[in-house]
């Protein structure tokens, strides 16, 4: 198991919320568990306001992040599965999966991106992820 993929950083939300609340909710476990500082959330929100659609990596999936020096304490990802799509500014792409990446340096960033890409590129895995009903089920798709 990759040490940056921890079940305590996984969530499912069945409420209808906007992209601001969804993104902040996705980042919250990283702050609460000491992986990032509050400044990291602020940096991500700024990045999304400026160029939100650039963080969309495929249909239904966005990978918001900021630079390591903007508040990352330790490598981690958080995952928020939304039961209702959100739409980021300047995008018509419905988003249901927010994967927040927090890396301490560029090498870690690439390693983590590679791992997330491998997970998302497994056949049928994205549709299986989007159909997850429990946090454990969601987490196990990434394990």
C-alpha atoms as a PDB file:
ATOM      1  CA  UNK A   1       0.000   0.000   0.000  1.00  0.00           C
ATOM      2  CA  UNK A   2       1.272   3.443  -0.858  1.00  0.00           C
ATOM      3  CA  UNK A   3       1.828   5.426   2.316  1.00  0.00           C
ATOM      4  CA  UNK A   4       0.173   8.540   0.861  1.00  0.00           C
ATOM      5  CA  UNK A   5      -3.152   6.729   0.267  1.00  0.00           C
ATOM      6  CA  UNK A   6      -4.936   6.528   3.626  1.00  0.00           C
ATOM      7  CA  UNK A   7      -8.597   5.690   4.232  1.00  0.00           C
ATOM      8  CA  UNK A   8      -8.963   8.578   6.710  1.00  0.00           C
ATOM      9  CA  UNK A   9      -8.573  10.956   3.743  1.00  0.00           C
ATOM     10  CA  UNK A  10     -11.491   9.452   1.761  1.00  0.00           C
ATOM     11  CA  UNK A  11     -15.059  10.815   1.802  1.00  0.00           C
ATOM     12  CA  UNK A  12     -18.404  10.463   0.048  1.00  0.00           C
ATOM     13  CA  UNK A  13     -20.918  13.315  -0.115  1.00  0.00           C
ATOM     14  CA  UNK A  14     -24.530  12.804  -1.199  1.00  0.00           C
ATOM     15  CA  UNK A  15     -25.534  16.480  -0.866  1.00  0.00           C
ATOM     16  CA  UNK A  16     -25.887  18.947  -3.701  1.00  0.00           C
ATOM     17  CA  UNK A  17     -23.078  21.463  -3.163  1.00  0.00           C
ATOM     18  CA  UNK A  18     -21.133  23.897  -5.327  1.00  0.00           C
ATOM     19  CA  UNK A  19     -17.520  23.476  -6.440  1.00  0.00           C
ATOM     20  CA  UNK A  20     -16.201  25.793  -3.695  1.00  0.00           C
ATOM     21  CA  UNK A  21     -17.717  23.714  -0.887  1.00  0.00           C
ATOM     22  CA  UNK A  22     -16.838  20.436  -2.599  1.00  0.00           C
ATOM     23  CA  UNK A  23     -13.192  21.415  -2.994  1.00  0.00           C
ATOM     24  CA  UNK A  24     -12.904  22.672   0.574  1.00  0.00           C
ATOM     25  CA  UNK A  25     -14.524  19.473   1.835  1.00  0.00           C
ATOM     26  CA  UNK A  26     -12.040  17.421  -0.206  1.00  0.00           C
ATOM     27  CA  UNK A  27      -9.092  19.293   1.347  1.00  0.00           C
ATOM     28  CA  UNK A  28     -10.397  19.176   4.940  1.00  0.00           C
ATOM     29  CA  UNK A  29      -9.027  15.708   5.872  1.00  0.00           C
ATOM     30  CA  UNK A  30      -5.559  16.771   4.740  1.00  0.00           C
ATOM     31  CA  UNK A  31      -5.698  19.801   7.039  1.00  0.00           C
ATOM     32  CA  UNK A  32      -7.267  17.929   9.971  1.00  0.00           C
ATOM     33  CA  UNK A  33      -4.720  15.105   9.726  1.00  0.00           C
ATOM     34  CA  UNK A  34      -1.723  17.446   9.476  1.00  0.00           C
ATOM     35  CA  UNK A  35      -0.701  16.707   5.890  1.00  0.00           C
ATOM     36  CA  UNK A  36      -1.162  20.328   4.788  1.00  0.00           C
ATOM     37  CA  UNK A  37      -1.590  23.763   6.325  1.00  0.00           C
ATOM     38  CA  UNK A  38      -4.649  25.958   5.765  1.00  0.00           C
ATOM     39  CA  UNK A  39      -2.547  27.999   3.310  1.00  0.00           C
ATOM     40  CA  UNK A  40      -2.572  25.009   0.970  1.00  0.00           C
ATOM     41  CA  UNK A  41      -6.364  25.207   0.713  1.00  0.00           C
ATOM     42  CA  UNK A  42      -6.118  28.926  -0.033  1.00  0.00           C
ATOM     43  CA  UNK A  43      -3.530  28.281  -2.773  1.00  0.00           C
ATOM     44  CA  UNK A  44      -5.677  25.572  -4.363  1.00  0.00           C
ATOM     45  CA  UNK A  45      -8.754  27.793  -4.329  1.00  0.00           C
ATOM     46  CA  UNK A  46      -6.761  30.570  -6.026  1.00  0.00           C
ATOM     47  CA  UNK A  47      -5.479  28.121  -8.654  1.00  0.00           C
ATOM     48  CA  UNK A  48      -9.014  26.910  -9.331  1.00  0.00           C
ATOM     49  CA  UNK A  49     -10.408  30.431  -9.640  1.00  0.00           C
ATOM     50  CA  UNK A  50      -7.646  31.291 -12.086  1.00  0.00           C
ATOM     51  CA  UNK A  51      -7.526  28.086 -14.147  1.00  0.00           C
ATOM     52  CA  UNK A  52      -9.969  25.539 -12.738  1.00  0.00           C
ATOM     53  CA  UNK A  53     -10.618  23.621 -15.925  1.00  0.00           C
ATOM     54  CA  UNK A  54      -6.888  22.907 -16.340  1.00  0.00           C
ATOM     55  CA  UNK A  55      -7.070  20.602 -13.316  1.00  0.00           C
ATOM     56  CA  UNK A  56      -9.753  18.407 -14.911  1.00  0.00           C
ATOM     57  CA  UNK A  57      -7.905  15.259 -15.959  1.00  0.00           C
ATOM     58  CA  UNK A  58     -10.751  13.247 -17.491  1.00  0.00           C
ATOM     59  CA  UNK A  59     -14.531  13.162 -17.548  1.00  0.00           C
ATOM     60  CA  UNK A  60     -15.855  13.404 -13.969  1.00  0.00           C
ATOM     61  CA  UNK A  61     -12.401  13.811 -12.373  1.00  0.00           C
ATOM     62  CA  UNK A  62     -10.467  16.835 -11.166  1.00  0.00           C
ATOM     63  CA  UNK A  63      -7.054  16.797  -9.506  1.00  0.00           C
ATOM     64  CA  UNK A  64      -6.619  20.149  -7.731  1.00  0.00           C
ATOM     65  CA  UNK A  65      -3.258  20.900  -6.172  1.00  0.00           C
ATOM     66  CA  UNK A  66      -0.797  23.681  -5.435  1.00  0.00           C
ATOM     67  CA  UNK A  67       2.969  23.933  -5.056  1.00  0.00           C
ATOM     68  CA  UNK A  68       4.748  22.062  -2.235  1.00  0.00           C
ATOM     69  CA  UNK A  69       5.981  25.281  -0.629  1.00  0.00           C
ATOM     70  CA  UNK A  70       2.400  26.540  -0.345  1.00  0.00           C
ATOM     71  CA  UNK A  71       1.735  24.489   2.776  1.00  0.00           C
ATOM     72  CA  UNK A  72       2.448  20.776   2.265  1.00  0.00           C
ATOM     73  CA  UNK A  73       3.800  19.008   5.370  1.00  0.00           C
ATOM     74  CA  UNK A  74       3.678  15.410   4.137  1.00  0.00           C
ATOM     75  CA  UNK A  75       2.751  13.543   0.944  1.00  0.00           C
ATOM     76  CA  UNK A  76      -0.917  12.565   0.773  1.00  0.00           C
ATOM     77  CA  UNK A  77      -3.990  12.450  -1.396  1.00  0.00           C
ATOM     78  CA  UNK A  78      -7.554  12.999  -0.355  1.00  0.00           C
ATOM     79  CA  UNK A  79     -10.490  11.691  -2.330  1.00  0.00           C
ATOM     80  CA  UNK A  80     -14.041  13.021  -2.318  1.00  0.00           C
ATOM     81  CA  UNK A  81     -16.721  11.191  -4.274  1.00  0.00           C
ATOM     82  CA  UNK A  82     -19.760  13.347  -5.015  1.00  0.00           C
ATOM     83  CA  UNK A  83     -23.134  11.759  -5.677  1.00  0.00           C
ATOM     84  CA  UNK A  84     -24.188  14.977  -7.465  1.00  0.00           C
ATOM     85  CA  UNK A  85     -21.934  16.604 -10.057  1.00  0.00           C
ATOM     86  CA  UNK A  86     -20.342  19.999  -9.570  1.00  0.00           C
ATOM     87  CA  UNK A  87     -19.161  22.343 -12.305  1.00  0.00           C
ATOM     88  CA  UNK A  88     -15.957  24.341 -12.028  1.00  0.00           C
ATOM     89  CA  UNK A  89     -15.620  27.841 -13.427  1.00  0.00           C
ATOM     90  CA  UNK A  90     -15.248  28.032 -17.206  1.00  0.00           C
ATOM     91  CA  UNK A  91     -16.042  24.335 -17.604  1.00  0.00           C
ATOM     92  CA  UNK A  92     -19.093  22.382 -18.667  1.00  0.00           C
ATOM     93  CA  UNK A  93     -17.547  19.107 -17.523  1.00  0.00           C
ATOM     94  CA  UNK A  94     -19.512  17.470 -14.693  1.00  0.00           C
ATOM     95  CA  UNK A  95     -17.172  16.537 -11.830  1.00  0.00           C
ATOM     96  CA  UNK A  96     -17.935  13.758  -9.358  1.00  0.00           C
ATOM     97  CA  UNK A  97     -14.470  12.796  -8.115  1.00  0.00           C
ATOM     98  CA  UNK A  98     -12.077  15.256  -6.502  1.00  0.00           C
ATOM     99  CA  UNK A  99      -8.586  13.899  -5.874  1.00  0.00           C
ATOM    100  CA  UNK A 100      -6.491  16.455  -3.999  1.00  0.00           C
ATOM    101  CA  UNK A 101      -2.779  15.925  -4.388  1.00  0.00           C
ATOM    102  CA  UNK A 102      -0.354  17.184  -1.726  1.00  0.00           C
ATOM    103  CA  UNK A 103       3.304  16.503  -2.444  1.00  0.00           C
ATOM    104  CA  UNK A 104       6.410  17.770  -0.672  1.00  0.00           C
ATOM    105  CA  UNK A 105       8.580  18.006  -3.805  1.00  0.00           C
ATOM    106  CA  UNK A 106       8.512  17.528  -7.584  1.00  0.00           C
ATOM    107  CA  UNK A 107       9.764  13.919  -7.464  1.00  0.00           C
ATOM    108  CA  UNK A 108       7.002  12.934  -5.026  1.00  0.00           C
ATOM    109  CA  UNK A 109       4.523  14.830  -7.188  1.00  0.00           C
ATOM    110  CA  UNK A 110       5.414  12.724 -10.224  1.00  0.00           C
ATOM    111  CA  UNK A 111       5.361   9.451  -8.259  1.00  0.00           C
ATOM    112  CA  UNK A 112       1.926  10.284  -6.845  1.00  0.00           C
ATOM    113  CA  UNK A 113       0.559  11.395 -10.220  1.00  0.00           C
ATOM    114  CA  UNK A 114       1.777   8.154 -11.775  1.00  0.00           C
ATOM    115  CA  UNK A 115       0.068   6.077  -9.078  1.00  0.00           C
ATOM    116  CA  UNK A 116      -3.228   7.976  -9.400  1.00  0.00           C
ATOM    117  CA  UNK A 117      -3.071   7.644 -13.204  1.00  0.00           C
ATOM    118  CA  UNK A 118      -2.492   3.880 -12.904  1.00  0.00           C
ATOM    119  CA  UNK A 119      -5.515   3.567 -10.624  1.00  0.00           C
ATOM    120  CA  UNK A 120      -7.772   5.630 -12.863  1.00  0.00           C
ATOM    121  CA  UNK A 121      -6.600   3.889 -16.036  1.00  0.00           C
ATOM    122  CA  UNK A 122      -7.494   0.380 -14.848  1.00  0.00           C
ATOM    123  CA  UNK A 123     -10.293  -0.959 -16.999  1.00  0.00           C
ATOM    124  CA  UNK A 124     -13.741  -0.026 -15.623  1.00  0.00           C
ATOM    125  CA  UNK A 125     -12.159   1.408 -12.476  1.00  0.00           C
ATOM    126  CA  UNK A 126     -13.503   4.948 -12.929  1.00  0.00           C
ATOM    127  CA  UNK A 127     -17.082   3.715 -13.292  1.00  0.00           C
ATOM    128  CA  UNK A 128     -16.554   1.378 -10.317  1.00  0.00           C
ATOM    129  CA  UNK A 129     -15.153   4.283  -8.278  1.00  0.00           C
ATOM    130  CA  UNK A 130     -18.120   6.503  -9.162  1.00  0.00           C
ATOM    131  CA  UNK A 131     -20.519   3.743  -8.070  1.00  0.00           C
ATOM    132  CA  UNK A 132     -18.876   3.265  -4.649  1.00  0.00           C
ATOM    133  CA  UNK A 133     -21.417   3.293  -1.826  1.00  0.00           C
ATOM    134  CA  UNK A 134     -19.113   3.286   1.208  1.00  0.00           C
ATOM    135  CA  UNK A 135     -15.830   4.935   2.094  1.00  0.00           C
ATOM    136  CA  UNK A 136     -14.197   1.516   2.469  1.00  0.00           C
ATOM    137  CA  UNK A 137     -15.394   0.504  -0.997  1.00  0.00           C
ATOM    138  CA  UNK A 138     -14.064   3.770  -2.442  1.00  0.00           C
ATOM    139  CA  UNK A 139     -10.737   3.413  -0.639  1.00  0.00           C
ATOM    140  CA  UNK A 140     -10.282  -0.175  -1.815  1.00  0.00           C
ATOM    141  CA  UNK A 141     -10.500   0.986  -5.452  1.00  0.00           C
ATOM    142  CA  UNK A 142      -7.370   3.051  -4.756  1.00  0.00           C
ATOM    143  CA  UNK A 143      -5.575   0.444  -2.626  1.00  0.00           C
END
